[in-house]
């Protein structure tokens, strides 16, 4: 009998297993694929490895603006993919070593929840039954493949790819069509555009980057267009052929030729086939319904990470797993979903936390919205010739608390955690005035901007 069985070894699962074991819980992790989940094997880490290589290549091509002459810069995509594999292997090994160090048992098999008993729960994996007092479901998500005529056949034939397959593709397509202008689509558009592909992005909405602040989204679109990426907004894909994607735009049927198609229209929770119905766990549109304590409707059963469908980000999964463990241990804890940052790791980067200009309007909040150039930072000017980065602040007018921060520019991904703390702790403008920011850093732009509000 285990104190806890965790189904899924991704960010939510392996981090929760570590915390549970540290706290004295006898823990079993059941993972049917590789430890680390989508994030480590075919998501966060692999894509960032590719994007960093592209960033170095971009710097080499445009180094003359900084007084550096570099001729004949080339990028070897196959070597980039090989390096990606090395990075992933190293980190997966690290996760496995952590499990061993903390005494967490790991079973590599598909898991099915069989029943709820007087003592807890029974889970079957690889023909063997395991019992535990508590369950934590961390089965993650997978790329959504909608019922567009010809799309499933194109995926089966290898012409269309999801985020999983495209990260192992060693050839650079001349023509890449991306269905979906969300985070995954934009990061892959950025990478393949940098290394020489002609990229078209087909998006149903009138903007890119999903719920990203509208002003930031518009800046990102402008920057990408300058780099040669073609965007077809308010366009509906109608079918996928053998060498093209057909779509409707402005009431007209059109076609985009492609060597490869990337399907990136979102993700769906992996909740089917794991036996949730056997113990009565409630789902909604495929996602497990949880409270902000990560508890399901069944006592003793928790869900963390993409499978609960709240915010499908690895760092959200980390926190949710920790919250679940704390509540299993009897420590009251909850997830504050409003202070979770998000990042788009393109070049330039986009990072956001908290309310947006659109959300405060929708909620009827009395807030002040101000945008400031990143040129208030000396380091930003020194390192970004012709840069047009901005920081956007959302401030509660009455209490002067910081409701949201949105950034477009260099180092945004590394700065946003500080802004997330400001939102989480409901800091006032005057509170931040008292903080000392290192100089010269790009982060100083937040302090400078707050002094002007």
Foldseek 3Di string as FASTA:
>chain_A
DWQEEEEAQALLRLLLLLVLLVVPTAYEYEAQDFHHPCCLQQRVQLLVLLQVLLVVLVCQVVVVVQVDDHPDRADQLLVSLVVSVVRSVVVSVVSVVSCVVSVYHYHHFAKAWAAADPQDTWIDGPRDIDGHNFYEYEHAWDADDDPAAARVVCCVVQQEHESRVVSNDRDQWQEEEEEAQAQVSVSVLQSSLSNHHAYEYEELAQWHHPPAFPVLRVVSVVVSVVSRHHYQYNKAFRHDDPFWTWIAHPNDIDIDGTSHYYYHHDIAAPDPPRHCVNYVQDDDRQAGDADQLQDTPDPRYGYAACSNPDDHDSVRSSVSSVSVSCVSVVHHDGDDQQLDKDWRVHVFIKIKGFDHPVRCVVVVAQKDKDKDFLVVFPVQCSVPPVDGKIKMWIARPPQQFTGMIIITGPCNVVQSVVVSVSNVVRPHLVNVLPDDDDPRDSNCVVNVVSVVD
